[in-house]
């Protein structure tokens, strides 16, 4: 019996998501650090320290607003998770992995 050979599939690298293209930049790290310094307390609950910078309109929805401070909020982790329904994804909004 002759064995059938299957062609190999090329392993293509995954393209970065729009979120990754923003969060991996030094521009984002500088901006998020500056915003967290300017707003050290959560802008939602006014009680906890700020850890994440949240996009009011998502990067996928409005990529032109990704670096616009008027589209960003400094939130504590609890508020950020609540805004996102309990999960914030693999890359945190504060620029930390």
PDB file of N, CA and C in Angstrom:
ATOM      1  N   UNK A   1       0.836  -1.168   0.000  1.00  0.00           N
ATOM      2  CA  UNK A   1       0.000   0.000   0.000  1.00  0.00           C
ATOM      3  C   UNK A   1       0.892   1.245   0.000  1.00  0.00           C
ATOM      4  N   UNK A   2       0.555   2.187  -0.843  1.00  0.00           N
ATOM      5  CA  UNK A   2       1.329   3.414  -0.965  1.00  0.00           C
ATOM      6  C   UNK A   2       0.781   4.445   0.025  1.00  0.00           C
ATOM      7  N   UNK A   3       1.712   5.023   0.779  1.00  0.00           N
ATOM      8  CA  UNK A   3       1.317   6.037   1.766  1.00  0.00           C
ATOM      9  C   UNK A   3       1.173   7.389   1.082  1.00  0.00           C
ATOM     10  N   UNK A   4       0.107   8.091   1.403  1.00  0.00           N
ATOM     11  CA  UNK A   4      -0.110   9.413   0.813  1.00  0.00           C
ATOM     12  C   UNK A   4       0.689  10.445   1.576  1.00  0.00           C
ATOM     13  N   UNK A   5       1.341  11.282   0.842  1.00  0.00           N
ATOM     14  CA  UNK A   5       2.106  12.359   1.464  1.00  0.00           C
ATOM     15  C   UNK A   5       1.266  13.630   1.473  1.00  0.00           C
ATOM     16  N   UNK A   6       1.271  14.275   2.614  1.00  0.00           N
ATOM     17  CA  UNK A   6       0.547  15.532   2.731  1.00  0.00           C
ATOM     18  C   UNK A   6       1.541  16.682   2.608  1.00  0.00           C
ATOM     19  N   UNK A   7       1.153  17.710   1.881  1.00  0.00           N
ATOM     20  CA  UNK A   7       2.059  18.859   1.795  1.00  0.00           C
ATOM     21  C   UNK A   7       2.162  19.543   3.160  1.00  0.00           C
ATOM     22  N   UNK A   8       3.341  20.011   3.473  1.00  0.00           N
ATOM     23  CA  UNK A   8       3.549  20.713   4.740  1.00  0.00           C
ATOM     24  C   UNK A   8       2.957  22.103   4.660  1.00  0.00           C
ATOM     25  N   UNK A   9       2.353  22.495   5.741  1.00  0.00           N
ATOM     26  CA  UNK A   9       1.837  23.855   5.813  1.00  0.00           C
ATOM     27  C   UNK A   9       2.928  24.763   6.350  1.00  0.00           C
ATOM     28  N   UNK A  10       3.077  25.855   5.695  1.00  0.00           N
ATOM     29  CA  UNK A  10       4.076  26.815   6.159  1.00  0.00           C
ATOM     30  C   UNK A  10       3.600  27.430   7.477  1.00  0.00           C
ATOM     31  N   UNK A  11       4.508  27.527   8.423  1.00  0.00           N
ATOM     32  CA  UNK A  11       4.173  28.146   9.697  1.00  0.00           C
ATOM     33  C   UNK A  11       4.447  29.641   9.577  1.00  0.00           C
ATOM     34  N   UNK A  12       3.363  30.389   9.435  1.00  0.00           N
ATOM     35  CA  UNK A  12       3.478  31.829   9.305  1.00  0.00           C
ATOM     36  C   UNK A  12       3.388  32.472  10.685  1.00  0.00           C
ATOM     37  N   UNK A  13       4.167  33.488  10.910  1.00  0.00           N
ATOM     38  CA  UNK A  13       4.069  34.162  12.209  1.00  0.00           C
ATOM     39  C   UNK A  13       2.734  34.880  12.329  1.00  0.00           C
ATOM     40  N   UNK A  14       2.201  34.901  13.554  1.00  0.00           N
ATOM     41  CA  UNK A  14       0.954  35.620  13.777  1.00  0.00           C
ATOM     42  C   UNK A  14       1.232  37.114  13.718  1.00  0.00           C
ATOM     43  N   UNK A  15       0.338  37.822  13.071  1.00  0.00           N
ATOM     44  CA  UNK A  15       0.474  39.272  12.998  1.00  0.00           C
ATOM     45  C   UNK A  15       0.003  39.872  14.318  1.00  0.00           C
ATOM     46  N   UNK A  16       0.661  40.928  14.754  1.00  0.00           N
ATOM     47  CA  UNK A  16       0.223  41.549  16.015  1.00  0.00           C
ATOM     48  C   UNK A  16      -1.164  42.171  15.864  1.00  0.00           C
ATOM     49  N   UNK A  17      -1.904  42.146  16.955  1.00  0.00           N
ATOM     50  CA  UNK A  17      -3.231  42.755  16.963  1.00  0.00           C
ATOM     51  C   UNK A  17      -3.081  44.274  17.035  1.00  0.00           C
ATOM     52  N   UNK A  18      -4.142  45.010  16.716  1.00  0.00           N
ATOM     53  CA  UNK A  18      -4.058  46.476  16.849  1.00  0.00           C
ATOM     54  C   UNK A  18      -3.689  46.903  18.274  1.00  0.00           C
ATOM     55  N   UNK A  19      -4.202  46.185  19.279  1.00  0.00           N
ATOM     56  CA  UNK A  19      -3.873  46.499  20.671  1.00  0.00           C
ATOM     57  C   UNK A  19      -2.380  46.337  20.912  1.00  0.00           C
ATOM     58  N   UNK A  20      -1.807  45.244  20.428  1.00  0.00           N
ATOM     59  CA  UNK A  20      -0.379  45.004  20.628  1.00  0.00           C
ATOM     60  C   UNK A  20       0.461  46.063  19.929  1.00  0.00           C
ATOM     61  N   UNK A  21       0.010  46.506  18.765  1.00  0.00           N
ATOM     62  CA  UNK A  21       0.761  47.523  18.043  1.00  0.00           C
ATOM     63  C   UNK A  21       0.816  48.832  18.822  1.00  0.00           C
ATOM     64  N   UNK A  22      -0.181  49.088  19.651  1.00  0.00           N
ATOM     65  CA  UNK A  22      -0.174  50.284  20.498  1.00  0.00           C
ATOM     66  C   UNK A  22       0.624  50.014  21.767  1.00  0.00           C
ATOM     67  N   UNK A  23       0.288  48.939  22.481  1.00  0.00           N
ATOM     68  CA  UNK A  23       0.871  48.692  23.799  1.00  0.00           C
ATOM     69  C   UNK A  23       2.352  48.349  23.765  1.00  0.00           C
ATOM     70  N   UNK A  24       2.885  47.935  22.647  1.00  0.00           N
ATOM     71  CA  UNK A  24       4.298  47.583  22.561  1.00  0.00           C
ATOM     72  C   UNK A  24       5.185  48.792  22.258  1.00  0.00           C
ATOM     73  N   UNK A  25       4.609  49.964  22.093  1.00  0.00           N
ATOM     74  CA  UNK A  25       5.403  51.132  21.699  1.00  0.00           C
ATOM     75  C   UNK A  25       5.923  51.906  22.909  1.00  0.00           C
ATOM     76  N   UNK A  26       7.051  52.547  22.719  1.00  0.00           N
ATOM     77  CA  UNK A  26       7.580  53.406  23.785  1.00  0.00           C
ATOM     78  C   UNK A  26       6.689  54.633  23.947  1.00  0.00           C
ATOM     79  N   UNK A  27       6.026  55.043  22.891  1.00  0.00           N
ATOM     80  CA  UNK A  27       5.093  56.170  22.978  1.00  0.00           C
ATOM     81  C   UNK A  27       3.987  55.862  23.982  1.00  0.00           C
ATOM     82  N   UNK A  28       3.422  54.636  23.923  1.00  0.00           N
ATOM     83  CA  UNK A  28       2.370  54.246  24.861  1.00  0.00           C
ATOM     84  C   UNK A  28       2.915  54.170  26.291  1.00  0.00           C
ATOM     85  N   UNK A  29       4.081  53.590  26.454  1.00  0.00           N
ATOM     86  CA  UNK A  29       4.649  53.467  27.803  1.00  0.00           C
ATOM     87  C   UNK A  29       4.864  54.842  28.429  1.00  0.00           C
ATOM     88  N   UNK A  30       5.384  55.786  27.658  1.00  0.00           N
ATOM     89  CA  UNK A  30       5.592  57.146  28.178  1.00  0.00           C
ATOM     90  C   UNK A  30       4.257  57.825  28.509  1.00  0.00           C
ATOM     91  N   UNK A  31       3.290  57.705  27.607  1.00  0.00           N
ATOM     92  CA  UNK A  31       1.987  58.331  27.817  1.00  0.00           C
ATOM     93  C   UNK A  31       1.276  57.732  29.022  1.00  0.00           C
ATOM     94  N   UNK A  32       1.250  56.421  29.133  1.00  0.00           N
ATOM     95  CA  UNK A  32       0.538  55.793  30.250  1.00  0.00           C
ATOM     96  C   UNK A  32       1.222  56.119  31.581  1.00  0.00           C
ATOM     97  N   UNK A  33       2.542  56.158  31.584  1.00  0.00           N
ATOM     98  CA  UNK A  33       3.276  56.522  32.806  1.00  0.00           C
ATOM     99  C   UNK A  33       2.938  57.961  33.215  1.00  0.00           C
ATOM    100  N   UNK A  34       2.923  58.871  32.253  1.00  0.00           N
ATOM    101  CA  UNK A  34       2.607  60.274  32.542  1.00  0.00           C
ATOM    102  C   UNK A  34       1.171  60.424  33.049  1.00  0.00           C
ATOM    103  N   UNK A  35       0.236  59.702  32.444  1.00  0.00           N
ATOM    104  CA  UNK A  35      -1.163  59.785  32.884  1.00  0.00           C
ATOM    105  C   UNK A  35      -1.338  59.217  34.292  1.00  0.00           C
ATOM    106  N   UNK A  36      -0.671  58.105  34.572  1.00  0.00           N
ATOM    107  CA  UNK A  36      -0.783  57.504  35.910  1.00  0.00           C
ATOM    108  C   UNK A  36      -0.143  58.396  36.969  1.00  0.00           C
ATOM    109  N   UNK A  37       0.890  59.136  36.608  1.00  0.00           N
ATOM    110  CA  UNK A  37       1.484  60.099  37.546  1.00  0.00           C
ATOM    111  C   UNK A  37       0.551  61.289  37.757  1.00  0.00           C
ATOM    112  N   UNK A  38      -0.100  61.740  36.704  1.00  0.00           N
ATOM    113  CA  UNK A  38      -1.022  62.873  36.797  1.00  0.00           C
ATOM    114  C   UNK A  38      -2.304  62.510  37.553  1.00  0.00           C
ATOM    115  N   UNK A  39      -2.704  61.247  37.476  1.00  0.00           N
ATOM    116  CA  UNK A  39      -3.923  60.762  38.147  1.00  0.00           C
ATOM    117  C   UNK A  39      -3.570  59.546  38.992  1.00  0.00           C
ATOM    118  N   UNK A  40      -2.947  59.740  40.148  1.00  0.00           N
ATOM    119  CA  UNK A  40      -2.503  58.594  40.955  1.00  0.00           C
ATOM    120  C   UNK A  40      -3.649  57.821  41.613  1.00  0.00           C
ATOM    121  N   UNK A  41      -4.842  58.418  41.651  1.00  0.00           N
ATOM    122  CA  UNK A  41      -5.999  57.750  42.246  1.00  0.00           C
ATOM    123  C   UNK A  41      -7.003  57.443  41.140  1.00  0.00           C
ATOM    124  N   UNK A  42      -7.668  56.317  41.254  1.00  0.00           N
ATOM    125  CA  UNK A  42      -8.648  55.861  40.254  1.00  0.00           C
ATOM    126  C   UNK A  42      -9.660  56.954  39.937  1.00  0.00           C
ATOM    127  N   UNK A  43      -9.865  57.205  38.656  1.00  0.00           N
ATOM    128  CA  UNK A  43     -10.805  58.236  38.227  1.00  0.00           C
ATOM    129  C   UNK A  43     -12.252  57.771  38.294  1.00  0.00           C
ATOM    130  N   UNK A  44     -12.471  56.511  38.635  1.00  0.00           N
ATOM    131  CA  UNK A  44     -13.831  55.971  38.716  1.00  0.00           C
ATOM    132  C   UNK A  44     -14.310  55.889  40.160  1.00  0.00           C
ATOM    133  N   UNK A  45     -13.495  55.301  41.038  1.00  0.00           N
ATOM    134  CA  UNK A  45     -13.924  55.113  42.432  1.00  0.00           C
ATOM    135  C   UNK A  45     -13.299  56.122  43.391  1.00  0.00           C
ATOM    136  N   UNK A  46     -12.276  56.827  42.958  1.00  0.00           N
ATOM    137  CA  UNK A  46     -11.578  57.827  43.782  1.00  0.00           C
ATOM    138  C   UNK A  46     -11.050  57.264  45.099  1.00  0.00           C
ATOM    139  N   UNK A  47     -10.756  55.953  45.135  1.00  0.00           N
ATOM    140  CA  UNK A  47     -10.279  55.363  46.383  1.00  0.00           C
ATOM    141  C   UNK A  47      -8.969  54.609  46.228  1.00  0.00           C
ATOM    142  N   UNK A  48      -8.856  53.808  45.196  1.00  0.00           N
ATOM    143  CA  UNK A  48      -7.663  52.977  45.039  1.00  0.00           C
ATOM    144  C   UNK A  48      -6.637  53.656  44.139  1.00  0.00           C
ATOM    145  N   UNK A  49      -5.399  53.190  44.255  1.00  0.00           N
ATOM    146  CA  UNK A  49      -4.328  53.710  43.405  1.00  0.00           C
ATOM    147  C   UNK A  49      -4.519  53.238  41.969  1.00  0.00           C
ATOM    148  N   UNK A  50      -4.080  54.063  41.048  1.00  0.00           N
ATOM    149  CA  UNK A  50      -4.192  53.768  39.624  1.00  0.00           C
ATOM    150  C   UNK A  50      -3.120  52.760  39.202  1.00  0.00           C
ATOM    151  N   UNK A  51      -3.519  51.749  38.447  1.00  0.00           N
ATOM    152  CA  UNK A  51      -2.574  50.786  37.883  1.00  0.00           C
ATOM    153  C   UNK A  51      -2.696  50.692  36.370  1.00  0.00           C
ATOM    154  N   UNK A  52      -3.893  50.919  35.842  1.00  0.00           N
ATOM    155  CA  UNK A  52      -4.134  50.721  34.420  1.00  0.00           C
ATOM    156  C   UNK A  52      -4.668  51.991  33.768  1.00  0.00           C
ATOM    157  N   UNK A  53      -4.387  52.120  32.480  1.00  0.00           N
ATOM    158  CA  UNK A  53      -4.952  53.207  31.693  1.00  0.00           C
ATOM    159  C   UNK A  53      -5.955  52.561  30.738  1.00  0.00           C
ATOM    160  N   UNK A  54      -7.185  53.004  30.828  1.00  0.00           N
ATOM    161  CA  UNK A  54      -8.298  52.405  30.085  1.00  0.00           C
ATOM    162  C   UNK A  54      -8.676  53.267  28.893  1.00  0.00           C
ATOM    163  N   UNK A  55      -8.905  52.626  27.738  1.00  0.00           N
ATOM    164  CA  UNK A  55      -9.410  53.316  26.553  1.00  0.00           C
ATOM    165  C   UNK A  55     -10.932  53.352  26.647  1.00  0.00           C
ATOM    166  N   UNK A  56     -11.516  54.543  26.669  1.00  0.00           N
ATOM    167  CA  UNK A  56     -12.965  54.687  26.723  1.00  0.00           C
ATOM    168  C   UNK A  56     -13.568  54.077  25.456  1.00  0.00           C
ATOM    169  N   UNK A  57     -13.080  54.494  24.309  1.00  0.00           N
ATOM    170  CA  UNK A  57     -13.433  53.838  23.037  1.00  0.00           C
ATOM    171  C   UNK A  57     -12.250  52.940  22.692  1.00  0.00           C
ATOM    172  N   UNK A  58     -12.499  51.683  22.441  1.00  0.00           N
ATOM    173  CA  UNK A  58     -11.428  50.710  22.246  1.00  0.00           C
ATOM    174  C   UNK A  58     -10.546  51.043  21.050  1.00  0.00           C
ATOM    175  N   UNK A  59      -9.371  50.461  21.060  1.00  0.00           N
ATOM    176  CA  UNK A  59      -8.422  50.673  19.959  1.00  0.00           C
ATOM    177  C   UNK A  59      -8.996  50.122  18.656  1.00  0.00           C
ATOM    178  N   UNK A  60      -9.676  48.989  18.746  1.00  0.00           N
ATOM    179  CA  UNK A  60     -10.277  48.399  17.550  1.00  0.00           C
ATOM    180  C   UNK A  60     -11.399  49.282  17.005  1.00  0.00           C
ATOM    181  N   UNK A  61     -12.153  49.893  17.898  1.00  0.00           N
ATOM    182  CA  UNK A  61     -13.280  50.745  17.518  1.00  0.00           C
ATOM    183  C   UNK A  61     -12.817  52.101  16.988  1.00  0.00           C
ATOM    184  N   UNK A  62     -11.790  52.675  17.613  1.00  0.00           N
ATOM    185  CA  UNK A  62     -11.324  54.014  17.241  1.00  0.00           C
ATOM    186  C   UNK A  62      -9.800  54.082  17.326  1.00  0.00           C
ATOM    187  N   UNK A  63      -9.094  53.484  16.364  1.00  0.00           N
ATOM    188  CA  UNK A  63      -7.627  53.473  16.421  1.00  0.00           C
ATOM    189  C   UNK A  63      -7.008  54.868  16.401  1.00  0.00           C
ATOM    190  N   UNK A  64      -7.691  55.833  15.823  1.00  0.00           N
ATOM    191  CA  UNK A  64      -7.168  57.204  15.775  1.00  0.00           C
ATOM    192  C   UNK A  64      -7.160  57.861  17.160  1.00  0.00           C
ATOM    193  N   UNK A  65      -7.852  57.275  18.143  1.00  0.00           N
ATOM    194  CA  UNK A  65      -7.887  57.813  19.499  1.00  0.00           C
ATOM    195  C   UNK A  65      -7.000  57.043  20.472  1.00  0.00           C
ATOM    196  N   UNK A  66      -6.189  56.140  19.956  1.00  0.00           N
ATOM    197  CA  UNK A  66      -5.374  55.273  20.818  1.00  0.00           C
ATOM    198  C   UNK A  66      -4.472  56.058  21.759  1.00  0.00           C
ATOM    199  N   UNK A  67      -3.944  57.184  21.309  1.00  0.00           N
ATOM    200  CA  UNK A  67      -3.021  57.977  22.123  1.00  0.00           C
ATOM    201  C   UNK A  67      -3.635  59.309  22.576  1.00  0.00           C
ATOM    202  N   UNK A  68      -4.918  59.477  22.390  1.00  0.00           N
ATOM    203  CA  UNK A  68      -5.594  60.729  22.737  1.00  0.00           C
ATOM    204  C   UNK A  68      -5.965  60.733  24.225  1.00  0.00           C
ATOM    205  N   UNK A  69      -5.396  61.618  25.026  1.00  0.00           N
ATOM    206  CA  UNK A  69      -5.684  61.641  26.464  1.00  0.00           C
ATOM    207  C   UNK A  69      -7.163  61.812  26.793  1.00  0.00           C
ATOM    208  N   UNK A  70      -7.942  62.438  25.905  1.00  0.00           N
ATOM    209  CA  UNK A  70      -9.373  62.592  26.178  1.00  0.00           C
ATOM    210  C   UNK A  70     -10.125  61.263  26.067  1.00  0.00           C
ATOM    211  N   UNK A  71      -9.493  60.257  25.494  1.00  0.00           N
ATOM    212  CA  UNK A  71     -10.096  58.928  25.364  1.00  0.00           C
ATOM    213  C   UNK A  71      -9.546  57.955  26.411  1.00  0.00           C
ATOM    214  N   UNK A  72      -8.765  58.444  27.347  1.00  0.00           N
ATOM    215  CA  UNK A  72      -8.099  57.570  28.320  1.00  0.00           C
ATOM    216  C   UNK A  72      -8.530  57.902  29.742  1.00  0.00           C
ATOM    217  N   UNK A  73      -8.620  56.864  30.569  1.00  0.00           N
ATOM    218  CA  UNK A  73      -8.940  57.028  31.989  1.00  0.00           C
ATOM    219  C   UNK A  73      -7.971  56.203  32.807  1.00  0.00           C
ATOM    220  N   UNK A  74      -7.527  56.732  33.928  1.00  0.00           N
ATOM    221  CA  UNK A  74      -6.675  55.986  34.841  1.00  0.00           C
ATOM    222  C   UNK A  74      -7.569  55.268  35.850  1.00  0.00           C
ATOM    223  N   UNK A  75      -7.460  53.944  35.908  1.00  0.00           N
ATOM    224  CA  UNK A  75      -8.324  53.139  36.762  1.00  0.00           C
ATOM    225  C   UNK A  75      -7.518  52.203  37.646  1.00  0.00           C
ATOM    226  N   UNK A  76      -8.100  51.845  38.792  1.00  0.00           N
ATOM    227  CA  UNK A  76      -7.506  50.797  39.616  1.00  0.00           C
ATOM    228  C   UNK A  76      -7.830  49.459  38.944  1.00  0.00           C
ATOM    229  N   UNK A  77      -7.172  48.417  39.370  1.00  0.00           N
ATOM    230  CA  UNK A  77      -7.395  47.109  38.726  1.00  0.00           C
ATOM    231  C   UNK A  77      -8.828  46.621  38.878  1.00  0.00           C
ATOM    232  N   UNK A  78      -9.433  46.842  40.059  1.00  0.00           N
ATOM    233  CA  UNK A  78     -10.801  46.374  40.296  1.00  0.00           C
ATOM    234  C   UNK A  78     -11.791  47.080  39.370  1.00  0.00           C
ATOM    235  N   UNK A  79     -11.676  48.383  39.259  1.00  0.00           N
ATOM    236  CA  UNK A  79     -12.581  49.134  38.374  1.00  0.00           C
ATOM    237  C   UNK A  79     -12.344  48.767  36.916  1.00  0.00           C
ATOM    238  N   UNK A  80     -11.093  48.578  36.547  1.00  0.00           N
ATOM    239  CA  UNK A  80     -10.784  48.227  35.161  1.00  0.00           C
ATOM    240  C   UNK A  80     -11.377  46.871  34.804  1.00  0.00           C
ATOM    241  N   UNK A  81     -11.251  45.905  35.709  1.00  0.00           N
ATOM    242  CA  UNK A  81     -11.842  44.587  35.467  1.00  0.00           C
ATOM    243  C   UNK A  81     -13.364  44.685  35.394  1.00  0.00           C
ATOM    244  N   UNK A  82     -13.952  45.514  36.239  1.00  0.00           N
ATOM    245  CA  UNK A  82     -15.403  45.687  36.230  1.00  0.00           C
ATOM    246  C   UNK A  82     -15.883  46.300  34.921  1.00  0.00           C
ATOM    247  N   UNK A  83     -15.161  47.284  34.423  1.00  0.00           N
ATOM    248  CA  UNK A  83     -15.512  47.924  33.153  1.00  0.00           C
ATOM    249  C   UNK A  83     -15.465  46.915  32.010  1.00  0.00           C
ATOM    250  N   UNK A  84     -14.517  45.990  32.082  1.00  0.00           N
ATOM    251  CA  UNK A  84     -14.355  44.990  31.018  1.00  0.00           C
ATOM    252  C   UNK A  84     -15.078  43.682  31.326  1.00  0.00           C
ATOM    253  N   UNK A  85     -15.968  43.677  32.271  1.00  0.00           N
ATOM    254  CA  UNK A  85     -16.737  42.477  32.565  1.00  0.00           C
ATOM    255  C   UNK A  85     -15.929  41.379  33.220  1.00  0.00           C
ATOM    256  N   UNK A  86     -14.928  41.746  34.010  1.00  0.00           N
ATOM    257  CA  UNK A  86     -14.163  40.757  34.752  1.00  0.00           C
ATOM    258  C   UNK A  86     -12.829  40.369  34.143  1.00  0.00           C
ATOM    259  N   UNK A  87     -12.552  40.775  32.924  1.00  0.00           N
ATOM    260  CA  UNK A  87     -11.258  40.441  32.324  1.00  0.00           C
ATOM    261  C   UNK A  87     -10.760  41.611  31.489  1.00  0.00           C
ATOM    262  N   UNK A  88      -9.444  41.786  31.489  1.00  0.00           N
ATOM    263  CA  UNK A  88      -8.861  42.901  30.743  1.00  0.00           C
ATOM    264  C   UNK A  88      -7.943  42.440  29.621  1.00  0.00           C
ATOM    265  N   UNK A  89      -7.863  41.163  29.358  1.00  0.00           N
ATOM    266  CA  UNK A  89      -7.008  40.691  28.275  1.00  0.00           C
ATOM    267  C   UNK A  89      -5.617  40.357  28.764  1.00  0.00           C
ATOM    268  N   UNK A  90      -4.781  39.897  27.835  1.00  0.00           N
ATOM    269  CA  UNK A  90      -3.448  39.442  28.215  1.00  0.00           C
ATOM    270  C   UNK A  90      -2.471  40.581  28.388  1.00  0.00           C
ATOM    271  N   UNK A  91      -2.776  41.727  27.819  1.00  0.00           N
ATOM    272  CA  UNK A  91      -1.893  42.881  27.963  1.00  0.00           C
ATOM    273  C   UNK A  91      -2.637  43.923  28.772  1.00  0.00           C
ATOM    274  N   UNK A  92      -2.054  44.332  29.860  1.00  0.00           N
ATOM    275  CA  UNK A  92      -2.760  45.314  30.681  1.00  0.00           C
ATOM    276  C   UNK A  92      -2.695  46.680  30.050  1.00  0.00           C
ATOM    277  N   UNK A  93      -3.635  47.515  30.376  1.00  0.00           N
ATOM    278  CA  UNK A  93      -3.708  48.857  29.803  1.00  0.00           C
ATOM    279  C   UNK A  93      -2.582  49.750  30.279  1.00  0.00           C
ATOM    280  N   UNK A  94      -1.962  49.413  31.385  1.00  0.00           N
ATOM    281  CA  UNK A  94      -0.898  50.259  31.910  1.00  0.00           C
ATOM    282  C   UNK A  94       0.429  50.040  31.246  1.00  0.00           C
ATOM    283  N   UNK A  95       0.470  49.182  30.246  1.00  0.00           N
ATOM    284  CA  UNK A  95       1.704  48.955  29.533  1.00  0.00           C
ATOM    285  C   UNK A  95       2.540  47.837  30.119  1.00  0.00           C
ATOM    286  N   UNK A  96       2.066  47.235  31.167  1.00  0.00           N
ATOM    287  CA  UNK A  96       2.795  46.121  31.778  1.00  0.00           C
ATOM    288  C   UNK A  96       2.172  44.820  31.293  1.00  0.00           C
ATOM    289  N   UNK A  97       2.977  43.787  31.140  1.00  0.00           N
ATOM    290  CA  UNK A  97       2.478  42.519  30.652  1.00  0.00           C
ATOM    291  C   UNK A  97       1.794  41.683  31.664  1.00  0.00           C
TER     292      UNK A  97
END
